[in-house]
Amino acid sequence: MKLLLLIIVGVLILVIVTPILMLYVVKKKNASKTKEDLLTYIEYHPDACSLTLLENESVLLTFNEEKEMPLASTVKFIYLLTFIDGVREKNVMLDEKVQVDNLDVLYFENTDGGAHPRWKKEHDIGEEVTLFQIAQGMMQFSSNACTDFLFHKLGSDKINQSLTKYQLNPHSPIYAISSAMLIPAYLKVENGCNKKQISQEIKEMDQIEFESLANTMLHDVLDGSAEKYLKELSTINDMTIQRVLMDKLPSSTTEQYANLMMRIGESDDLSDDDKDLMDRILGGASEIGKRRWFKGGSMAYTLTSALYNKDDNGSVSLSVFVQDENRYELLWIRNVFHDFLKAIVEDTEFRQKTIDRLGGDS
């Protein structure tokens, strides 16, 4: 009996301790990884990664550049361009006041990594906020509440017209991407679907129908009729559901976004005043004659980015997308992603190494 008890205790210890030890080993291994490891990962995972690098409007590197991938929050750059166009056309007033309560209704707790409350805290947001501050919340902090508010304010048609104006093709239509997170709850409440059925329904749903439903969810939240869906918001926590939702996101390519960043930075599409406003919203201008614009996106299965940098050495634009169907690699990739982007832009030795390893067309 004692021996049996010892065996049971031993097995329990193995079952409990072994996964903890494995997790510790994996975390320690991942903590030591660097931008060099990410370069290697991209090199050996061409089907899941894409990169486009331009310098002074010339192509330095393309790697799987035509692969269409979900954009995550990088798509918010299109909202920003539409916003700036609206300011120029005097359809958007930067100092227009908005009651924060009208903005907070679009904040879905635990769905944006704390971006919305962090923006409010760091910018000392009170009871009122301006459209300019909301644009900063969207771009600097990636507040989804700010994003869907501006989607409603600017209008779906205007935002999607920007895709044509700025020559983004291929690029799928843009809809209320934050409010789309209520679609799983909608299917649960209205259709009585379980998680497996929700995943299948979203997967099989026509894209136009999905986009229309997402926009309807936004209007329901704004008019106060979405309470029954908000109570079931946790439905989105299922990873299979998150995966199929990701496939419905607006998508494009690194080629399109690198070209976009270079074009708006170097061409006359934006006036000097427009570019100065973009600097102020993005918070990337530090010295006269220098400029850095950046927007990234992160979800459970993907990382995306679009960057433009101008300094004494010229102009560089860069877009990198990375996907990981198992999610485990992204745990460490997130930690080195910005170092990787920064090194390509600022470190000519690492940039050349990247070009040599990935073998882009120039």
Protein backbone atom coordinates (compact mmCIF):
# COMPACT_ATOMS: atom_id res chain seq x y z
CA MET A 1 0.00 0.00 0.00
CA LYS A 2 2.86 2.35 0.86
CA LEU A 3 4.55 1.54 -2.43
CA LEU A 4 1.35 2.26 -4.35
CA LEU A 5 0.97 5.56 -2.55
CA LEU A 6 4.56 6.51 -3.35
CA ILE A 7 4.00 5.65 -7.01
CA ILE A 8 0.84 7.75 -7.15
CA VAL A 9 2.61 10.68 -5.47
CA GLY A 10 5.54 10.29 -7.86
CA VAL A 11 3.28 10.29 -10.91
CA LEU A 12 1.41 13.36 -9.63
CA ILE A 13 4.71 15.18 -9.11
CA LEU A 14 5.78 14.32 -12.65
CA VAL A 15 2.45 15.45 -14.08
CA ILE A 16 2.55 18.76 -12.21
CA VAL A 17 6.25 19.57 -12.12
CA THR A 18 7.31 18.48 -15.61
CA PRO A 19 5.10 21.00 -17.51
CA ILE A 20 6.27 23.77 -15.16
CA LEU A 21 9.91 22.88 -15.77
CA MET A 22 9.33 22.69 -19.51
CA LEU A 23 7.64 26.08 -19.49
CA TYR A 24 10.56 27.53 -17.52
CA VAL A 25 13.09 26.09 -19.99
CA VAL A 26 11.14 27.41 -22.99
CA LYS A 27 10.78 30.88 -21.43
CA LYS A 28 14.49 30.99 -20.61
CA LYS A 29 15.38 29.92 -24.14
CA ASN A 30 13.01 32.46 -25.67
CA ALA A 31 14.33 35.26 -23.44
CA SER A 32 17.76 34.88 -25.03
CA LYS A 33 16.52 35.21 -28.61
CA THR A 34 17.37 38.30 -30.64
CA LYS A 35 16.68 40.02 -33.94
CA GLU A 36 19.10 37.55 -35.53
CA ASP A 37 16.79 34.70 -34.55
CA LEU A 38 13.85 36.51 -36.13
CA LEU A 39 15.81 36.93 -39.36
CA THR A 40 16.46 33.20 -39.34
CA TYR A 41 12.80 32.48 -38.61
CA ILE A 42 11.68 34.60 -41.57
CA GLU A 43 14.26 32.97 -43.82
CA TYR A 44 13.01 29.47 -43.01
CA HIS A 45 9.28 30.28 -42.90
CA PRO A 46 8.68 32.02 -46.23
CA ASP A 47 5.05 30.90 -46.42
CA ALA A 48 4.24 32.65 -43.13
CA CYS A 49 6.35 35.81 -43.47
CA SER A 50 6.53 38.79 -45.79
CA LEU A 51 8.90 41.77 -45.98
CA THR A 52 9.31 44.77 -48.28
CA LEU A 53 12.07 47.37 -47.87
CA LEU A 54 12.47 50.57 -49.90
CA GLU A 55 15.18 53.21 -49.76
CA ASN A 56 14.75 56.59 -51.45
CA GLU A 57 11.86 55.15 -53.48
CA SER A 58 14.00 52.26 -54.80
CA VAL A 59 13.35 48.63 -53.89
CA LEU A 60 16.07 47.14 -51.70
CA LEU A 61 14.38 43.91 -50.66
CA THR A 62 11.23 41.97 -51.37
CA PHE A 63 10.43 38.70 -49.66
CA ASN A 64 7.06 37.05 -50.30
CA GLU A 65 5.88 40.62 -50.82
CA GLU A 66 2.66 39.77 -52.68
CA LYS A 67 1.25 37.46 -50.00
CA GLU A 68 -2.03 38.89 -48.67
CA MET A 69 -2.23 38.68 -44.89
CA PRO A 70 -4.51 40.08 -42.17
CA LEU A 71 -3.34 43.56 -41.22
CA ALA A 72 -4.50 43.74 -37.59
CA SER A 73 -4.02 47.31 -36.27
CA THR A 74 -1.64 48.33 -39.06
CA VAL A 75 -4.80 49.04 -41.09
CA LYS A 76 -5.40 52.02 -38.78
CA PHE A 77 -2.98 53.96 -40.96
CA ILE A 78 -5.77 54.17 -43.54
CA TYR A 79 -8.07 55.68 -40.90
CA LEU A 80 -5.36 58.25 -40.16
CA LEU A 81 -4.97 59.23 -43.81
CA THR A 82 -8.76 59.62 -44.10
CA PHE A 83 -8.75 61.71 -40.93
CA ILE A 84 -6.02 64.00 -42.27
CA ASP A 85 -7.85 64.36 -45.59
CA GLY A 86 -10.95 65.34 -43.59
CA VAL A 87 -9.01 68.01 -41.71
CA ARG A 88 -7.66 69.46 -44.96
CA GLU A 89 -11.15 69.49 -46.50
CA LYS A 90 -12.53 71.07 -43.29
CA ASN A 91 -14.91 68.17 -42.70
CA VAL A 92 -13.04 67.29 -39.51
CA MET A 93 -12.28 69.84 -36.80
CA LEU A 94 -9.29 68.85 -34.67
CA ASP A 95 -10.61 70.69 -31.61
CA GLU A 96 -14.15 69.27 -31.80
CA LYS A 97 -15.09 68.05 -28.32
CA VAL A 98 -16.43 64.58 -27.58
CA GLN A 99 -17.81 63.36 -24.28
CA VAL A 100 -15.54 60.56 -23.07
CA ASP A 101 -18.61 58.56 -22.02
CA ASN A 102 -19.60 58.42 -25.70
CA LEU A 103 -16.16 57.00 -26.46
CA ASP A 104 -15.93 54.59 -23.53
CA VAL A 105 -19.08 52.78 -24.63
CA LEU A 106 -16.95 51.38 -27.48
CA TYR A 107 -14.32 50.02 -25.10
CA PHE A 108 -14.63 46.26 -24.64
CA GLU A 109 -12.72 45.31 -21.53
CA ASN A 110 -9.75 42.94 -21.91
CA THR A 111 -9.82 43.03 -25.70
CA ASP A 112 -7.10 45.57 -26.56
CA GLY A 113 -4.30 44.80 -24.11
CA GLY A 114 -5.25 47.74 -21.93
CA ALA A 115 -4.57 50.26 -24.72
CA HIS A 116 -7.67 52.40 -24.12
CA PRO A 117 -7.30 52.88 -20.34
CA ARG A 118 -3.54 53.40 -20.80
CA TRP A 119 -4.18 56.20 -23.30
CA LYS A 120 -6.64 57.85 -20.91
CA LYS A 121 -4.22 57.61 -18.01
CA GLU A 122 -1.04 58.71 -19.79
CA HIS A 123 -2.76 61.61 -21.59
CA ASP A 124 -4.74 62.59 -18.51
CA ILE A 125 -8.06 62.35 -20.34
CA GLY A 126 -10.93 63.93 -18.42
CA GLU A 127 -14.64 64.15 -19.20
CA GLU A 128 -14.09 65.61 -22.66
CA VAL A 129 -11.63 64.84 -25.40
CA THR A 130 -10.90 66.33 -28.83
CA LEU A 131 -10.88 64.52 -32.16
CA PHE A 132 -7.13 65.20 -32.31
CA GLN A 133 -6.64 63.36 -29.02
CA ILE A 134 -8.83 60.49 -30.21
CA ALA A 135 -6.62 60.16 -33.30
CA GLN A 136 -3.59 60.00 -31.01
CA GLY A 137 -5.32 57.32 -28.94
CA MET A 138 -5.86 55.27 -32.07
CA MET A 139 -2.35 55.59 -33.47
CA GLN A 140 -0.03 55.89 -30.46
CA PHE A 141 -1.88 53.51 -28.15
CA SER A 142 -3.96 51.49 -30.64
CA SER A 143 -7.17 52.04 -28.70
CA ASN A 144 -9.89 50.05 -30.46
CA ALA A 145 -12.54 52.31 -28.94
CA CYS A 146 -10.90 55.36 -30.55
CA THR A 147 -10.64 53.42 -33.81
CA ASP A 148 -14.30 52.44 -34.07
CA PHE A 149 -15.35 55.94 -32.96
CA LEU A 150 -13.38 57.42 -35.87
CA PHE A 151 -14.75 54.77 -38.22
CA HIS A 152 -18.24 55.99 -37.29
CA LYS A 153 -17.23 59.66 -37.42
CA LEU A 154 -15.41 59.51 -40.76
CA GLY A 155 -17.78 57.02 -42.38
CA SER A 156 -17.19 53.66 -44.01
CA ASP A 157 -17.39 55.11 -47.53
CA LYS A 158 -14.74 57.79 -46.89
CA ILE A 159 -12.33 55.31 -45.29
CA ASN A 160 -12.69 52.80 -48.10
CA GLN A 161 -12.34 55.54 -50.72
CA SER A 162 -8.87 56.13 -49.28
CA LEU A 163 -7.86 52.67 -50.53
CA THR A 164 -8.48 53.88 -54.08
CA LYS A 165 -7.05 57.35 -53.52
CA TYR A 166 -3.77 55.96 -52.18
CA GLN A 167 -3.65 53.18 -54.79
CA LEU A 168 -3.80 50.24 -52.39
CA ASN A 169 -4.49 47.16 -54.49
CA PRO A 170 -4.83 44.43 -53.38
CA HIS A 171 -6.56 45.51 -50.19
CA SER A 172 -9.83 44.13 -48.82
CA PRO A 173 -12.56 46.51 -47.57
CA ILE A 174 -12.37 48.09 -44.12
CA TYR A 175 -15.21 47.72 -41.64
CA ALA A 176 -15.79 48.27 -37.88
CA ILE A 177 -12.99 45.93 -36.86
CA SER A 178 -13.39 46.33 -33.11
CA SER A 179 -17.15 45.87 -33.06
CA ALA A 180 -16.67 42.70 -35.13
CA MET A 181 -15.53 41.10 -31.87
CA LEU A 182 -19.21 41.02 -30.88
CA ILE A 183 -20.16 38.76 -33.77
CA PRO A 184 -19.42 35.53 -31.83
CA ALA A 185 -21.64 36.80 -29.00
CA TYR A 186 -24.32 37.73 -31.55
CA LEU A 187 -24.29 34.20 -32.99
CA LYS A 188 -24.53 32.73 -29.50
CA VAL A 189 -27.41 34.94 -28.42
CA GLU A 190 -29.44 35.09 -31.62
CA ASN A 191 -28.75 31.66 -33.11
CA GLY A 192 -28.03 29.65 -29.97
CA CYS A 193 -24.70 28.48 -31.37
CA ASN A 194 -22.05 26.76 -29.27
CA LYS A 195 -18.38 27.63 -29.75
CA LYS A 196 -17.78 25.02 -32.43
CA GLN A 197 -20.84 26.17 -34.36
CA ILE A 198 -19.84 29.83 -33.98
CA SER A 199 -16.42 29.10 -35.44
CA GLN A 200 -17.94 27.24 -38.38
CA GLU A 201 -20.57 29.91 -39.07
CA ILE A 202 -17.96 32.68 -39.12
CA LYS A 203 -15.69 30.62 -41.34
CA GLU A 204 -18.48 29.99 -43.86
CA MET A 205 -20.01 33.48 -43.66
CA ASP A 206 -19.80 35.55 -46.84
CA GLN A 207 -17.26 38.35 -46.36
CA ILE A 208 -19.72 41.07 -47.34
CA GLU A 209 -22.26 39.69 -44.86
CA PHE A 210 -19.58 39.59 -42.15
CA GLU A 211 -18.54 43.20 -42.76
CA SER A 212 -22.17 44.37 -42.74
CA LEU A 213 -22.81 42.54 -39.47
CA ALA A 214 -19.70 44.11 -37.89
CA ASN A 215 -20.94 47.58 -38.86
CA THR A 216 -24.38 46.73 -37.46
CA MET A 217 -22.75 45.73 -34.17
CA LEU A 218 -21.08 49.16 -34.03
CA HIS A 219 -24.41 50.94 -34.47
CA ASP A 220 -26.02 48.68 -31.86
CA VAL A 221 -23.32 49.57 -29.33
CA LEU A 222 -23.67 53.29 -30.03
CA ASP A 223 -27.46 53.28 -29.69
CA GLY A 224 -27.37 51.16 -26.54
CA SER A 225 -29.04 48.05 -27.95
CA ALA A 226 -26.02 45.71 -27.76
CA GLU A 227 -26.13 44.94 -24.02
CA LYS A 228 -27.17 41.32 -24.55
CA TYR A 229 -24.14 40.78 -26.79
CA LEU A 230 -21.75 42.58 -24.47
CA LYS A 231 -22.75 40.19 -21.69
CA GLU A 232 -21.49 37.31 -23.84
CA LEU A 233 -18.31 39.05 -25.00
CA SER A 234 -16.13 36.37 -23.38
CA THR A 235 -17.20 34.03 -26.19
CA ILE A 236 -14.36 35.57 -28.18
CA ASN A 237 -11.79 34.10 -25.79
CA ASP A 238 -11.98 30.77 -27.62
CA MET A 239 -8.82 30.51 -29.74
CA THR A 240 -10.51 28.70 -32.62
CA ILE A 241 -12.99 31.56 -32.88
CA GLN A 242 -10.14 34.09 -32.78
CA ARG A 243 -8.43 32.24 -35.61
CA VAL A 244 -11.43 32.39 -37.95
CA LEU A 245 -12.06 36.03 -37.02
CA MET A 246 -8.49 36.85 -38.02
CA ASP A 247 -9.12 35.46 -41.49
CA LYS A 248 -11.98 37.96 -41.88
CA LEU A 249 -9.83 41.00 -41.05
CA PRO A 250 -8.90 43.59 -43.69
CA SER A 251 -5.87 42.24 -45.52
CA SER A 252 -3.19 43.44 -47.88
CA THR A 253 0.54 42.95 -48.57
CA THR A 254 3.84 44.33 -47.33
CA GLU A 255 4.47 45.56 -50.87
CA GLN A 256 1.37 47.76 -50.68
CA TYR A 257 2.13 49.15 -47.24
CA ALA A 258 5.83 49.82 -47.81
CA ASN A 259 4.95 51.63 -51.04
CA LEU A 260 2.20 53.56 -49.25
CA MET A 261 4.57 54.76 -46.52
CA MET A 262 7.20 55.88 -49.01
CA ARG A 263 4.63 57.56 -51.26
CA ILE A 264 2.97 59.65 -48.56
CA GLY A 265 6.35 60.54 -47.09
CA GLU A 266 8.05 61.57 -50.32
CA SER A 267 5.28 62.63 -52.73
CA ASP A 268 2.94 65.62 -52.77
CA ASP A 269 -0.07 63.45 -51.84
CA LEU A 270 0.21 65.11 -48.43
CA SER A 271 1.09 68.79 -47.97
CA ASP A 272 3.73 69.93 -45.48
CA ASP A 273 0.91 70.83 -43.08
CA ASP A 274 -0.59 67.37 -43.52
CA LYS A 275 2.75 65.76 -42.73
CA ASP A 276 3.27 67.97 -39.70
CA LEU A 277 -0.16 66.92 -38.43
CA MET A 278 0.76 63.28 -38.97
CA ASP A 279 3.93 63.88 -36.94
CA ARG A 280 1.88 65.33 -34.10
CA ILE A 281 -0.64 62.49 -34.09
CA LEU A 282 1.97 59.75 -34.31
CA GLY A 283 4.41 61.48 -31.96
CA GLY A 284 7.41 60.49 -34.08
CA ALA A 285 8.98 63.85 -34.95
CA SER A 286 11.95 64.80 -32.79
CA GLU A 287 14.22 66.98 -34.93
CA ILE A 288 13.69 69.30 -37.88
CA GLY A 289 14.16 67.43 -41.15
CA LYS A 290 13.76 64.04 -39.48
CA ARG A 291 10.63 61.95 -39.31
CA ARG A 292 9.47 58.51 -38.21
CA TRP A 293 5.98 57.18 -38.82
CA PHE A 294 5.03 53.76 -37.52
CA LYS A 295 2.00 51.60 -36.92
CA GLY A 296 2.07 47.98 -35.88
CA GLY A 297 -0.56 45.34 -35.35
CA SER A 298 -0.61 42.33 -33.06
CA MET A 299 -3.05 39.45 -32.63
CA ALA A 300 -2.75 35.94 -31.27
CA TYR A 301 -1.58 34.57 -34.63
CA THR A 302 0.00 37.52 -36.40
CA LEU A 303 2.29 40.56 -36.19
CA THR A 304 2.27 43.34 -38.78
CA SER A 305 4.02 46.67 -39.28
CA ALA A 306 4.42 49.67 -41.57
CA LEU A 307 7.23 52.18 -41.05
CA TYR A 308 8.64 55.28 -42.73
CA ASN A 309 11.88 56.93 -41.61
CA LYS A 310 13.49 60.10 -42.95
CA ASP A 311 16.83 61.45 -41.74
CA ASP A 312 20.08 62.91 -43.09
CA ASN A 313 20.85 59.64 -44.90
CA GLY A 314 17.62 59.62 -46.88
CA SER A 315 14.28 57.86 -46.61
CA VAL A 316 13.46 54.24 -45.79
CA SER A 317 10.10 52.50 -45.71
CA LEU A 318 9.61 49.01 -44.33
CA SER A 319 6.71 46.63 -43.89
CA VAL A 320 7.01 43.23 -42.19
CA PHE A 321 4.22 40.70 -41.58
CA VAL A 322 4.71 37.48 -39.57
CA GLN A 323 2.19 34.72 -38.93
CA ASP A 324 2.41 31.70 -36.63
CA GLU A 325 -0.41 29.16 -36.79
CA ASN A 326 0.67 27.59 -33.50
CA ARG A 327 1.14 30.94 -31.68
CA TYR A 328 4.16 29.68 -29.71
CA GLU A 329 6.84 31.32 -31.87
CA LEU A 330 5.10 34.68 -31.62
CA LEU A 331 5.66 34.59 -27.85
CA TRP A 332 9.33 35.41 -28.40
CA ILE A 333 8.99 37.16 -31.76
CA ARG A 334 6.92 39.91 -30.11
CA ASN A 335 9.85 40.62 -27.77
CA VAL A 336 12.33 41.23 -30.60
CA PHE A 337 10.05 42.53 -33.37
CA HIS A 338 10.71 46.23 -32.78
CA ASP A 339 14.46 45.62 -32.39
CA PHE A 340 14.38 43.83 -35.75
CA LEU A 341 12.56 46.70 -37.49
CA LYS A 342 14.78 49.33 -35.87
CA ALA A 343 17.95 47.48 -36.87
CA ILE A 344 16.91 47.23 -40.52
CA VAL A 345 16.21 50.97 -40.60
CA GLU A 346 19.20 52.21 -38.59
CA ASP A 347 21.94 49.56 -38.81
CA THR A 348 23.34 49.38 -42.35
CA GLU A 349 25.30 46.21 -41.54
CA PHE A 350 22.19 44.38 -40.31
CA ARG A 351 20.20 45.75 -43.22
CA GLN A 352 22.69 44.33 -45.70
CA LYS A 353 22.72 41.01 -43.84
CA THR A 354 18.93 40.89 -44.12
CA ILE A 355 19.09 41.61 -47.85
CA ASP A 356 21.77 38.94 -48.36
CA ARG A 357 19.94 36.30 -46.32
CA LEU A 358 16.46 36.86 -47.75
CA GLY A 359 17.68 37.43 -51.28
CA GLY A 360 15.31 40.18 -52.34
CA ASP A 361 14.94 41.61 -55.81
CA SER A 362 16.52 45.00 -56.16
